[in-house]
Amino acid sequence: MKVNFSYYEMNDYVVSTSDRDYIKESPWSRRRLNLEQVIKEGVEVEINGHIFDPLSFYVSYSYTDWRYHGPHTAPYGDAVERLDDRAKNRVNAGLRYKVFENTLLLLDYKYQEKQIRLVCEEEPEGSDIWNCYDNPMAAYHVFDFAIEQTLFKKRGFIKDAVLKFYVNNLFDEDYENSRGYPMTDRTYGTALSFSF
């Protein structure tokens, strides 16, 4: 088991206000401001081990909170509120099952809480006119599955040759990453890894 605590005090933390009065024809015209003191604190907990001999697991959880201490007035209030738009809770977990001596089944799970991302797009493209809006991103649950086959441990100068067959986003979840871009649908693939 591992537990990590983090606490950061950031002075003059630069943020952008999305107030429509300050977004004129370009997102670069958005008003920037220094928040006097932003505090980011969090905790990460990780547990891993064996349920029984061929079956192992890991679970990790992280919580992150952003806060602002200092005076602020309109139109900067939205920039302060935006600190709280980030995902606070994340979970990663996985199971590893050794079917045979050199064959391993892997199941991984990822969860992220909902968040909001400010998106600015040029509309129409090449017009130099920008549209900025909030993009709410739903919470997501993603599963990945793989089979790993160890081909050999050492052969000549090559070590640990492993062939992997995988399916990412097993249940074809629609979700977006932290920057607001849609992530890939269900994908299949193979990978060969080794070391020297």
N, C-alpha and C. Protein backbone atom coordinates (compact mmCIF):
# COMPACT_ATOMS: atom_id res chain seq x y z
N MET A 1 0.85 -1.19 0.00
CA MET A 1 0.00 0.00 0.00
C MET A 1 0.88 1.24 0.00
N LYS A 2 0.52 2.23 -0.82
CA LYS A 2 1.23 3.51 -0.85
C LYS A 2 0.21 4.62 -0.68
N VAL A 3 0.58 5.63 0.07
CA VAL A 3 -0.25 6.81 0.24
C VAL A 3 0.62 8.04 0.03
N ASN A 4 0.20 8.92 -0.86
CA ASN A 4 0.93 10.17 -1.10
C ASN A 4 -0.01 11.34 -0.86
N PHE A 5 0.48 12.33 -0.14
CA PHE A 5 -0.25 13.57 0.04
C PHE A 5 0.51 14.68 -0.68
N SER A 6 -0.21 15.60 -1.29
CA SER A 6 0.45 16.72 -1.95
C SER A 6 -0.22 18.01 -1.54
N TYR A 7 0.60 19.05 -1.44
CA TYR A 7 0.09 20.38 -1.09
C TYR A 7 0.99 21.40 -1.78
N TYR A 8 0.39 22.22 -2.65
CA TYR A 8 1.14 23.24 -3.37
C TYR A 8 0.50 24.60 -3.13
N GLU A 9 1.33 25.60 -2.86
CA GLU A 9 0.88 26.98 -2.81
C GLU A 9 1.54 27.70 -3.98
N MET A 10 0.72 28.20 -4.90
CA MET A 10 1.24 28.87 -6.09
C MET A 10 0.87 30.34 -6.05
N ASN A 11 1.89 31.19 -6.04
CA ASN A 11 1.67 32.63 -6.04
C ASN A 11 1.61 33.13 -7.48
N ASP A 12 0.76 34.12 -7.72
CA ASP A 12 0.61 34.71 -9.05
C ASP A 12 0.33 33.65 -10.10
N TYR A 13 -0.68 32.83 -9.84
CA TYR A 13 -1.08 31.76 -10.75
C TYR A 13 -1.87 32.39 -11.90
N VAL A 14 -1.37 32.24 -13.12
CA VAL A 14 -1.96 32.91 -14.28
C VAL A 14 -3.15 32.12 -14.80
N VAL A 15 -4.29 32.79 -14.94
CA VAL A 15 -5.49 32.18 -15.51
C VAL A 15 -6.08 33.14 -16.53
N SER A 16 -6.99 32.62 -17.33
CA SER A 16 -7.71 33.44 -18.31
C SER A 16 -9.15 33.58 -17.88
N THR A 17 -9.70 34.74 -18.07
CA THR A 17 -11.12 34.91 -17.83
C THR A 17 -11.85 34.64 -19.13
N SER A 18 -12.97 33.95 -19.05
CA SER A 18 -13.75 33.67 -20.26
C SER A 18 -14.91 34.65 -20.40
N ASP A 19 -14.92 35.67 -19.56
CA ASP A 19 -16.01 36.64 -19.63
C ASP A 19 -16.15 37.17 -21.05
N ARG A 20 -17.36 37.16 -21.56
CA ARG A 20 -17.59 37.51 -22.96
C ARG A 20 -17.15 38.94 -23.29
N ASP A 21 -17.09 39.82 -22.28
CA ASP A 21 -16.64 41.18 -22.52
C ASP A 21 -15.17 41.22 -22.94
N TYR A 22 -14.42 40.17 -22.57
CA TYR A 22 -12.99 40.17 -22.85
C TYR A 22 -12.62 39.26 -24.00
N ILE A 23 -13.58 38.50 -24.53
CA ILE A 23 -13.31 37.69 -25.72
C ILE A 23 -13.88 38.47 -26.89
N LYS A 24 -13.04 39.11 -27.61
CA LYS A 24 -13.51 39.93 -28.72
C LYS A 24 -13.46 39.10 -29.99
N GLU A 25 -12.50 39.33 -30.86
CA GLU A 25 -12.44 38.58 -32.10
C GLU A 25 -11.42 37.46 -32.05
N SER A 26 -10.69 37.34 -30.98
CA SER A 26 -9.65 36.32 -30.91
C SER A 26 -9.54 35.82 -29.48
N PRO A 27 -9.29 34.52 -29.28
CA PRO A 27 -9.11 34.04 -27.91
C PRO A 27 -7.87 34.64 -27.28
N TRP A 28 -6.93 35.16 -28.09
CA TRP A 28 -5.70 35.74 -27.53
C TRP A 28 -5.99 37.06 -26.86
N SER A 29 -7.19 37.63 -27.10
CA SER A 29 -7.53 38.90 -26.45
C SER A 29 -8.15 38.67 -25.07
N ARG A 30 -8.27 37.41 -24.66
CA ARG A 30 -8.85 37.16 -23.34
C ARG A 30 -7.99 37.80 -22.26
N ARG A 31 -8.62 38.34 -21.26
CA ARG A 31 -7.93 38.98 -20.16
C ARG A 31 -7.20 37.93 -19.33
N ARG A 32 -5.93 38.15 -19.09
CA ARG A 32 -5.14 37.28 -18.23
C ARG A 32 -5.03 37.96 -16.86
N LEU A 33 -4.98 37.14 -15.82
CA LEU A 33 -4.79 37.72 -14.50
C LEU A 33 -4.00 36.77 -13.63
N ASN A 34 -3.37 37.34 -12.63
CA ASN A 34 -2.61 36.56 -11.66
C ASN A 34 -3.45 36.42 -10.41
N LEU A 35 -3.83 35.20 -10.08
CA LEU A 35 -4.49 34.98 -8.80
C LEU A 35 -3.41 34.94 -7.74
N GLU A 36 -3.59 35.71 -6.68
CA GLU A 36 -2.53 35.90 -5.70
C GLU A 36 -2.01 34.59 -5.12
N GLN A 37 -2.92 33.72 -4.71
CA GLN A 37 -2.45 32.45 -4.15
C GLN A 37 -3.47 31.35 -4.46
N VAL A 38 -3.02 30.37 -5.24
CA VAL A 38 -3.84 29.20 -5.56
C VAL A 38 -3.26 28.02 -4.82
N ILE A 39 -4.13 27.24 -4.20
CA ILE A 39 -3.69 26.05 -3.46
C ILE A 39 -4.21 24.82 -4.17
N LYS A 40 -3.30 23.90 -4.43
CA LYS A 40 -3.66 22.61 -5.01
C LYS A 40 -3.24 21.56 -4.00
N GLU A 41 -4.21 20.76 -3.57
CA GLU A 41 -3.86 19.70 -2.63
C GLU A 41 -4.57 18.42 -3.02
N GLY A 42 -3.99 17.32 -2.64
CA GLY A 42 -4.58 16.05 -3.03
C GLY A 42 -4.01 14.88 -2.27
N VAL A 43 -4.61 13.75 -2.55
CA VAL A 43 -4.16 12.50 -1.94
C VAL A 43 -4.24 11.41 -3.01
N GLU A 44 -3.26 10.53 -3.00
CA GLU A 44 -3.25 9.36 -3.88
C GLU A 44 -3.03 8.13 -3.02
N VAL A 45 -3.87 7.13 -3.24
CA VAL A 45 -3.76 5.87 -2.50
C VAL A 45 -3.65 4.75 -3.52
N GLU A 46 -2.67 3.88 -3.33
CA GLU A 46 -2.50 2.74 -4.23
C GLU A 46 -2.34 1.47 -3.39
N ILE A 47 -3.09 0.45 -3.79
CA ILE A 47 -3.01 -0.85 -3.13
C ILE A 47 -2.78 -1.89 -4.21
N ASN A 48 -1.83 -2.78 -4.01
CA ASN A 48 -1.66 -3.89 -4.95
C ASN A 48 -1.21 -5.13 -4.20
N GLY A 49 -1.47 -6.27 -4.81
CA GLY A 49 -1.11 -7.53 -4.17
C GLY A 49 -1.70 -8.70 -4.91
N HIS A 50 -1.75 -9.84 -4.23
CA HIS A 50 -2.28 -11.07 -4.81
C HIS A 50 -3.55 -11.48 -4.08
N ILE A 51 -4.58 -11.81 -4.85
CA ILE A 51 -5.81 -12.35 -4.27
C ILE A 51 -5.57 -13.82 -3.95
N PHE A 52 -5.04 -14.54 -4.92
CA PHE A 52 -4.44 -15.86 -4.71
C PHE A 52 -3.33 -15.98 -5.73
N ASP A 53 -2.53 -17.03 -5.66
CA ASP A 53 -1.23 -17.04 -6.34
C ASP A 53 -1.24 -16.58 -7.80
N PRO A 54 -2.07 -17.11 -8.71
CA PRO A 54 -1.96 -16.62 -10.09
C PRO A 54 -2.73 -15.32 -10.38
N LEU A 55 -3.51 -14.81 -9.41
CA LEU A 55 -4.34 -13.62 -9.63
C LEU A 55 -3.85 -12.45 -8.77
N SER A 56 -3.39 -11.39 -9.44
CA SER A 56 -2.95 -10.19 -8.74
C SER A 56 -3.83 -9.01 -9.13
N PHE A 57 -3.73 -7.94 -8.37
CA PHE A 57 -4.57 -6.77 -8.61
C PHE A 57 -3.83 -5.50 -8.23
N TYR A 58 -4.35 -4.38 -8.73
CA TYR A 58 -3.93 -3.06 -8.24
C TYR A 58 -5.14 -2.14 -8.29
N VAL A 59 -5.19 -1.22 -7.36
CA VAL A 59 -6.24 -0.19 -7.31
C VAL A 59 -5.57 1.10 -6.88
N SER A 60 -5.84 2.17 -7.61
CA SER A 60 -5.34 3.47 -7.18
C SER A 60 -6.47 4.49 -7.27
N TYR A 61 -6.47 5.41 -6.32
CA TYR A 61 -7.48 6.46 -6.26
C TYR A 61 -6.76 7.78 -6.01
N SER A 62 -7.17 8.83 -6.72
CA SER A 62 -6.59 10.15 -6.46
C SER A 62 -7.70 11.18 -6.35
N TYR A 63 -7.49 12.11 -5.43
CA TYR A 63 -8.40 13.23 -5.23
C TYR A 63 -7.57 14.51 -5.27
N THR A 64 -7.99 15.46 -6.09
CA THR A 64 -7.27 16.73 -6.22
C THR A 64 -8.26 17.88 -6.06
N ASP A 65 -7.88 18.85 -5.25
CA ASP A 65 -8.75 20.01 -5.02
C ASP A 65 -7.95 21.29 -5.28
N TRP A 66 -8.54 22.22 -6.03
CA TRP A 66 -7.93 23.52 -6.31
C TRP A 66 -8.73 24.59 -5.58
N ARG A 67 -8.03 25.51 -4.89
CA ARG A 67 -8.71 26.59 -4.18
C ARG A 67 -7.96 27.89 -4.38
N TYR A 68 -8.69 28.97 -4.28
CA TYR A 68 -8.10 30.29 -4.43
C TYR A 68 -8.26 31.05 -3.12
N HIS A 69 -7.16 31.67 -2.65
CA HIS A 69 -7.21 32.52 -1.46
C HIS A 69 -6.73 33.91 -1.88
N GLY A 70 -7.61 34.86 -1.77
CA GLY A 70 -7.22 36.22 -2.14
C GLY A 70 -8.41 36.98 -2.68
N PRO A 71 -8.24 38.28 -2.82
CA PRO A 71 -9.36 39.09 -3.29
C PRO A 71 -9.60 38.88 -4.78
N HIS A 72 -10.84 38.89 -5.16
CA HIS A 72 -11.17 38.89 -6.58
C HIS A 72 -12.53 39.57 -6.75
N THR A 73 -12.68 40.22 -7.86
CA THR A 73 -13.94 40.89 -8.17
C THR A 73 -14.31 40.55 -9.61
N ALA A 74 -15.55 40.83 -9.98
CA ALA A 74 -15.96 40.65 -11.37
C ALA A 74 -15.07 41.57 -12.23
N PRO A 75 -14.70 41.16 -13.44
CA PRO A 75 -15.12 39.98 -14.17
C PRO A 75 -14.24 38.75 -13.93
N TYR A 76 -13.45 38.77 -12.85
CA TYR A 76 -12.50 37.67 -12.66
C TYR A 76 -13.11 36.48 -11.95
N GLY A 77 -14.32 36.62 -11.47
CA GLY A 77 -14.94 35.53 -10.71
C GLY A 77 -15.02 34.24 -11.49
N ASP A 78 -15.31 34.32 -12.80
CA ASP A 78 -15.44 33.10 -13.58
C ASP A 78 -14.10 32.37 -13.69
N ALA A 79 -12.99 33.11 -13.73
CA ALA A 79 -11.67 32.48 -13.80
C ALA A 79 -11.38 31.73 -12.51
N VAL A 80 -11.83 32.28 -11.39
CA VAL A 80 -11.65 31.61 -10.10
C VAL A 80 -12.52 30.36 -10.05
N GLU A 81 -13.79 30.49 -10.49
CA GLU A 81 -14.68 29.33 -10.49
C GLU A 81 -14.14 28.22 -11.38
N ARG A 82 -13.44 28.62 -12.45
CA ARG A 82 -12.92 27.65 -13.41
C ARG A 82 -11.89 26.71 -12.76
N LEU A 83 -11.25 27.14 -11.68
CA LEU A 83 -10.32 26.26 -10.97
C LEU A 83 -11.05 25.01 -10.49
N ASP A 84 -12.33 25.16 -10.19
CA ASP A 84 -13.12 24.05 -9.65
C ASP A 84 -13.75 23.20 -10.74
N ASP A 85 -13.53 23.54 -12.02
CA ASP A 85 -14.12 22.79 -13.13
C ASP A 85 -13.34 21.52 -13.46
N ARG A 86 -12.18 21.31 -12.84
CA ARG A 86 -11.35 20.15 -13.15
C ARG A 86 -11.85 18.91 -12.43
N ALA A 87 -11.57 17.76 -13.02
CA ALA A 87 -11.97 16.49 -12.38
C ALA A 87 -11.25 16.34 -11.05
N LYS A 88 -11.99 16.02 -10.01
CA LYS A 88 -11.39 15.86 -8.68
C LYS A 88 -11.05 14.41 -8.39
N ASN A 89 -11.87 13.49 -8.87
CA ASN A 89 -11.71 12.07 -8.53
C ASN A 89 -11.31 11.25 -9.74
N ARG A 90 -10.30 10.39 -9.54
CA ARG A 90 -9.85 9.47 -10.59
C ARG A 90 -9.57 8.11 -9.94
N VAL A 91 -9.89 7.05 -10.68
CA VAL A 91 -9.63 5.69 -10.21
C VAL A 91 -8.99 4.90 -11.33
N ASN A 92 -7.96 4.14 -11.02
CA ASN A 92 -7.36 3.16 -11.93
C ASN A 92 -7.32 1.84 -11.20
N ALA A 93 -7.65 0.77 -11.90
CA ALA A 93 -7.63 -0.55 -11.28
C ALA A 93 -7.30 -1.60 -12.32
N GLY A 94 -6.86 -2.74 -11.87
CA GLY A 94 -6.54 -3.79 -12.83
C GLY A 94 -6.40 -5.15 -12.18
N LEU A 95 -6.63 -6.18 -12.99
CA LEU A 95 -6.43 -7.57 -12.59
C LEU A 95 -5.42 -8.21 -13.53
N ARG A 96 -4.58 -9.07 -13.00
CA ARG A 96 -3.60 -9.84 -13.77
C ARG A 96 -3.78 -11.31 -13.40
N TYR A 97 -4.06 -12.14 -14.41
CA TYR A 97 -4.28 -13.56 -14.15
C TYR A 97 -3.31 -14.39 -15.00
N LYS A 98 -2.47 -15.14 -14.33
CA LYS A 98 -1.49 -15.98 -15.01
C LYS A 98 -2.14 -17.32 -15.34
N VAL A 99 -2.57 -17.45 -16.60
CA VAL A 99 -3.27 -18.66 -17.04
C VAL A 99 -2.31 -19.84 -17.12
N PHE A 100 -1.18 -19.61 -17.80
CA PHE A 100 -0.13 -20.62 -17.92
C PHE A 100 1.18 -19.96 -17.51
N GLU A 101 2.24 -20.73 -17.52
CA GLU A 101 3.55 -20.23 -17.10
C GLU A 101 3.93 -18.95 -17.84
N ASN A 102 3.67 -18.88 -19.14
CA ASN A 102 4.09 -17.72 -19.94
C ASN A 102 2.92 -16.92 -20.53
N THR A 103 1.71 -17.14 -20.03
CA THR A 103 0.53 -16.46 -20.56
C THR A 103 -0.17 -15.68 -19.45
N LEU A 104 -0.40 -14.39 -19.71
CA LEU A 104 -0.98 -13.50 -18.72
C LEU A 104 -2.18 -12.77 -19.31
N LEU A 105 -3.31 -12.77 -18.59
CA LEU A 105 -4.50 -11.99 -18.97
C LEU A 105 -4.50 -10.70 -18.16
N LEU A 106 -4.79 -9.58 -18.83
CA LEU A 106 -4.78 -8.28 -18.17
C LEU A 106 -6.11 -7.56 -18.41
N LEU A 107 -6.70 -7.07 -17.34
CA LEU A 107 -7.92 -6.27 -17.42
C LEU A 107 -7.67 -4.98 -16.65
N ASP A 108 -7.82 -3.83 -17.33
CA ASP A 108 -7.58 -2.53 -16.70
C ASP A 108 -8.84 -1.68 -16.77
N TYR A 109 -9.01 -0.83 -15.76
CA TYR A 109 -10.18 0.03 -15.64
C TYR A 109 -9.73 1.45 -15.29
N LYS A 110 -10.36 2.44 -15.94
CA LYS A 110 -10.07 3.85 -15.65
C LYS A 110 -11.39 4.59 -15.45
N TYR A 111 -11.43 5.43 -14.43
CA TYR A 111 -12.59 6.28 -14.18
C TYR A 111 -12.10 7.71 -13.95
N GLN A 112 -12.83 8.67 -14.53
CA GLN A 112 -12.56 10.07 -14.24
C GLN A 112 -13.88 10.79 -14.06
N GLU A 113 -13.94 11.64 -13.06
CA GLU A 113 -15.15 12.41 -12.75
C GLU A 113 -15.41 13.44 -13.85
N LYS A 114 -16.62 13.95 -13.90
CA LYS A 114 -16.98 14.96 -14.91
C LYS A 114 -16.17 16.24 -14.68
N GLN A 115 -15.98 17.00 -15.76
CA GLN A 115 -15.31 18.29 -15.67
C GLN A 115 -15.77 19.18 -16.81
N ILE A 116 -15.34 20.43 -16.80
CA ILE A 116 -15.71 21.39 -17.83
C ILE A 116 -14.44 21.98 -18.43
N ARG A 117 -14.42 22.10 -19.74
CA ARG A 117 -13.25 22.63 -20.45
C ARG A 117 -13.69 23.82 -21.30
N LEU A 118 -12.93 24.93 -21.23
CA LEU A 118 -13.18 26.07 -22.10
C LEU A 118 -12.57 25.78 -23.45
N VAL A 119 -13.38 25.84 -24.52
CA VAL A 119 -12.93 25.55 -25.88
C VAL A 119 -13.10 26.80 -26.73
N CYS A 120 -12.07 27.13 -27.51
CA CYS A 120 -12.14 28.26 -28.44
C CYS A 120 -11.85 27.75 -29.84
N GLU A 121 -12.77 28.04 -30.77
CA GLU A 121 -12.62 27.57 -32.15
C GLU A 121 -12.80 28.74 -33.11
N GLU A 122 -12.01 28.71 -34.18
CA GLU A 122 -12.13 29.72 -35.22
C GLU A 122 -13.29 29.33 -36.14
N GLU A 123 -14.28 30.23 -36.28
CA GLU A 123 -15.46 29.91 -37.09
C GLU A 123 -15.82 31.09 -38.00
N PRO A 124 -15.93 30.89 -39.30
CA PRO A 124 -15.44 29.70 -40.01
C PRO A 124 -13.91 29.71 -40.06
N GLU A 125 -13.33 28.56 -40.37
CA GLU A 125 -11.88 28.42 -40.36
C GLU A 125 -11.24 29.43 -41.30
N GLY A 126 -10.20 30.10 -40.81
CA GLY A 126 -9.50 31.11 -41.61
C GLY A 126 -10.11 32.50 -41.53
N SER A 127 -11.21 32.64 -40.76
CA SER A 127 -11.90 33.93 -40.68
C SER A 127 -11.31 34.84 -39.63
N ASP A 128 -10.51 34.29 -38.70
CA ASP A 128 -9.95 35.03 -37.57
C ASP A 128 -11.05 35.52 -36.61
N ILE A 129 -12.22 34.88 -36.67
CA ILE A 129 -13.29 35.15 -35.71
C ILE A 129 -13.44 33.89 -34.85
N TRP A 130 -13.43 34.08 -33.54
CA TRP A 130 -13.37 32.94 -32.63
C TRP A 130 -14.65 32.82 -31.82
N ASN A 131 -15.07 31.58 -31.60
CA ASN A 131 -16.21 31.28 -30.75
C ASN A 131 -15.69 30.48 -29.55
N CYS A 132 -15.93 30.97 -28.35
CA CYS A 132 -15.47 30.29 -27.14
C CYS A 132 -16.69 29.84 -26.33
N TYR A 133 -16.62 28.63 -25.83
CA TYR A 133 -17.74 28.08 -25.08
C TYR A 133 -17.24 27.05 -24.08
N ASP A 134 -18.08 26.77 -23.10
CA ASP A 134 -17.77 25.73 -22.11
C ASP A 134 -18.15 24.37 -22.68
N ASN A 135 -17.25 23.40 -22.57
CA ASN A 135 -17.52 22.04 -23.03
C ASN A 135 -17.61 21.13 -21.81
N PRO A 136 -18.84 20.82 -21.35
CA PRO A 136 -18.95 19.89 -20.22
C PRO A 136 -18.60 18.47 -20.66
N MET A 137 -17.73 17.81 -19.92
CA MET A 137 -17.31 16.45 -20.24
C MET A 137 -17.83 15.51 -19.15
N ALA A 138 -18.58 14.52 -19.58
CA ALA A 138 -19.18 13.58 -18.65
C ALA A 138 -18.10 12.71 -17.99
N ALA A 139 -18.45 12.16 -16.86
CA ALA A 139 -17.57 11.16 -16.23
C ALA A 139 -17.49 9.95 -17.16
N TYR A 140 -16.41 9.21 -17.07
CA TYR A 140 -16.30 8.03 -17.93
C TYR A 140 -15.70 6.84 -17.19
N HIS A 141 -16.04 5.66 -17.73
CA HIS A 141 -15.51 4.38 -17.25
C HIS A 141 -14.98 3.65 -18.48
N VAL A 142 -13.70 3.33 -18.50
CA VAL A 142 -13.09 2.68 -19.66
C VAL A 142 -12.38 1.40 -19.21
N PHE A 143 -12.63 0.32 -19.97
CA PHE A 143 -11.98 -0.97 -19.72
C PHE A 143 -11.06 -1.32 -20.89
N ASP A 144 -9.88 -1.83 -20.58
CA ASP A 144 -8.95 -2.36 -21.58
C ASP A 144 -8.66 -3.82 -21.23
N PHE A 145 -8.50 -4.65 -22.28
CA PHE A 145 -8.23 -6.07 -22.06
C PHE A 145 -7.05 -6.49 -22.93
N ALA A 146 -6.20 -7.36 -22.41
CA ALA A 146 -5.05 -7.82 -23.20
C ALA A 146 -4.63 -9.22 -22.78
N ILE A 147 -3.97 -9.90 -23.71
CA ILE A 147 -3.32 -11.19 -23.45
C ILE A 147 -1.84 -11.01 -23.78
N GLU A 148 -0.99 -11.36 -22.84
CA GLU A 148 0.45 -11.28 -23.05
C GLU A 148 1.04 -12.69 -23.06
N GLN A 149 1.82 -12.95 -24.07
CA GLN A 149 2.51 -14.25 -24.18
C GLN A 149 4.01 -13.99 -24.16
N THR A 150 4.69 -14.50 -23.14
CA THR A 150 6.14 -14.40 -23.10
C THR A 150 6.72 -15.43 -24.06
N LEU A 151 7.44 -14.95 -25.07
CA LEU A 151 8.01 -15.84 -26.07
C LEU A 151 9.29 -16.51 -25.55
N PHE A 152 10.14 -15.72 -24.94
CA PHE A 152 11.34 -16.26 -24.29
C PHE A 152 11.91 -15.21 -23.35
N LYS A 153 12.67 -15.68 -22.37
CA LYS A 153 13.30 -14.79 -21.38
C LYS A 153 14.62 -14.25 -21.89
N LYS A 154 15.42 -15.12 -22.54
CA LYS A 154 16.73 -14.69 -23.05
C LYS A 154 17.13 -15.56 -24.22
N ARG A 155 17.47 -14.91 -25.33
CA ARG A 155 17.94 -15.61 -26.50
C ARG A 155 19.00 -14.71 -27.17
N GLY A 156 20.24 -15.12 -27.09
CA GLY A 156 21.33 -14.28 -27.58
C GLY A 156 21.40 -13.00 -26.77
N PHE A 157 21.38 -11.86 -27.44
CA PHE A 157 21.42 -10.58 -26.73
C PHE A 157 20.02 -10.00 -26.52
N ILE A 158 18.96 -10.71 -26.91
CA ILE A 158 17.58 -10.25 -26.73
C ILE A 158 16.99 -10.88 -25.47
N LYS A 159 16.33 -10.05 -24.65
CA LYS A 159 15.74 -10.52 -23.40
C LYS A 159 14.26 -10.14 -23.33
N ASP A 160 13.51 -10.92 -22.61
CA ASP A 160 12.11 -10.62 -22.27
C ASP A 160 11.26 -10.28 -23.49
N ALA A 161 11.21 -11.18 -24.46
CA ALA A 161 10.38 -10.97 -25.65
C ALA A 161 8.93 -11.33 -25.30
N VAL A 162 8.03 -10.34 -25.48
CA VAL A 162 6.63 -10.52 -25.11
C VAL A 162 5.74 -10.09 -26.29
N LEU A 163 4.80 -10.95 -26.66
CA LEU A 163 3.82 -10.64 -27.69
C LEU A 163 2.50 -10.34 -26.98
N LYS A 164 1.89 -9.21 -27.34
CA LYS A 164 0.67 -8.77 -26.65
C LYS A 164 -0.44 -8.55 -27.67
N PHE A 165 -1.62 -9.10 -27.39
CA PHE A 165 -2.84 -8.84 -28.15
C PHE A 165 -3.76 -8.04 -27.24
N TYR A 166 -4.31 -6.92 -27.73
CA TYR A 166 -5.09 -6.07 -26.84
C TYR A 166 -6.34 -5.51 -27.51
N VAL A 167 -7.30 -5.16 -26.65
CA VAL A 167 -8.50 -4.42 -27.05
C VAL A 167 -8.60 -3.26 -26.07
N ASN A 168 -8.44 -2.04 -26.58
CA ASN A 168 -8.59 -0.85 -25.74
C ASN A 168 -10.00 -0.30 -25.89
N ASN A 169 -10.52 0.25 -24.80
CA ASN A 169 -11.90 0.75 -24.75
C ASN A 169 -12.86 -0.38 -25.13
N LEU A 170 -12.77 -1.44 -24.37
CA LEU A 170 -13.46 -2.70 -24.64
C LEU A 170 -14.96 -2.53 -24.91
N PHE A 171 -15.63 -1.65 -24.17
CA PHE A 171 -17.08 -1.47 -24.32
C PHE A 171 -17.44 -0.24 -25.16
N ASP A 172 -16.46 0.27 -25.91
CA ASP A 172 -16.67 1.36 -26.87
C ASP A 172 -17.30 2.59 -26.22
N GLU A 173 -16.74 3.00 -25.08
CA GLU A 173 -17.23 4.17 -24.34
C GLU A 173 -16.92 5.45 -25.12
N ASP A 174 -17.89 6.37 -25.20
CA ASP A 174 -17.65 7.70 -25.76
C ASP A 174 -17.17 8.60 -24.63
N TYR A 175 -15.96 9.12 -24.76
CA TYR A 175 -15.44 10.01 -23.72
C TYR A 175 -14.40 10.95 -24.30
N GLU A 176 -14.07 11.97 -23.51
CA GLU A 176 -13.11 12.98 -23.94
C GLU A 176 -11.96 13.04 -22.95
N ASN A 177 -10.77 13.40 -23.45
CA ASN A 177 -9.63 13.52 -22.55
C ASN A 177 -9.67 14.85 -21.83
N SER A 178 -8.66 15.13 -21.04
CA SER A 178 -8.68 16.33 -20.20
C SER A 178 -8.63 17.62 -21.01
N ARG A 179 -8.22 17.55 -22.28
CA ARG A 179 -8.19 18.75 -23.12
C ARG A 179 -9.48 18.90 -23.94
N GLY A 180 -10.42 17.96 -23.78
CA GLY A 180 -11.71 18.09 -24.44
C GLY A 180 -11.79 17.42 -25.80
N TYR A 181 -10.75 16.66 -26.19
CA TYR A 181 -10.77 15.98 -27.49
C TYR A 181 -11.42 14.60 -27.36
N PRO A 182 -12.26 14.22 -28.32
CA PRO A 182 -12.85 12.87 -28.28
C PRO A 182 -11.75 11.81 -28.34
N MET A 183 -11.88 10.78 -27.53
CA MET A 183 -10.91 9.70 -27.51
C MET A 183 -11.32 8.61 -28.51
N THR A 184 -10.40 7.72 -28.79
CA THR A 184 -10.64 6.72 -29.82
C THR A 184 -11.71 5.71 -29.39
N ASP A 185 -12.38 5.15 -30.39
CA ASP A 185 -13.36 4.09 -30.14
C ASP A 185 -12.60 2.81 -29.78
N ARG A 186 -13.33 1.71 -29.74
CA ARG A 186 -12.70 0.42 -29.46
C ARG A 186 -11.60 0.17 -30.48
N THR A 187 -10.41 -0.18 -30.01
CA THR A 187 -9.29 -0.47 -30.91
C THR A 187 -8.69 -1.82 -30.58
N TYR A 188 -8.24 -2.50 -31.62
CA TYR A 188 -7.59 -3.81 -31.48
C TYR A 188 -6.16 -3.68 -31.96
N GLY A 189 -5.27 -4.46 -31.39
CA GLY A 189 -3.89 -4.38 -31.87
C GLY A 189 -3.02 -5.47 -31.29
N THR A 190 -1.80 -5.51 -31.79
CA THR A 190 -0.78 -6.41 -31.27
C THR A 190 0.48 -5.58 -31.05
N ALA A 191 1.30 -6.03 -30.14
CA ALA A 191 2.57 -5.35 -29.87
C ALA A 191 3.61 -6.40 -29.50
N LEU A 192 4.82 -6.15 -29.93
CA LEU A 192 5.95 -7.02 -29.59
C LEU A 192 6.95 -6.16 -28.85
N SER A 193 7.35 -6.61 -27.68
CA SER A 193 8.34 -5.85 -26.91
C SER A 193 9.46 -6.77 -26.47
N PHE A 194 10.64 -6.20 -26.38
CA PHE A 194 11.81 -6.94 -25.89
C PHE A 194 12.85 -5.93 -25.48
N SER A 195 13.88 -6.40 -24.79
CA SER A 195 14.97 -5.52 -24.34
C SER A 195 16.30 -6.17 -24.71
N PHE A 196 17.35 -5.36 -24.65
CA PHE A 196 18.69 -5.84 -24.98
C PHE A 196 19.51 -5.96 -23.71
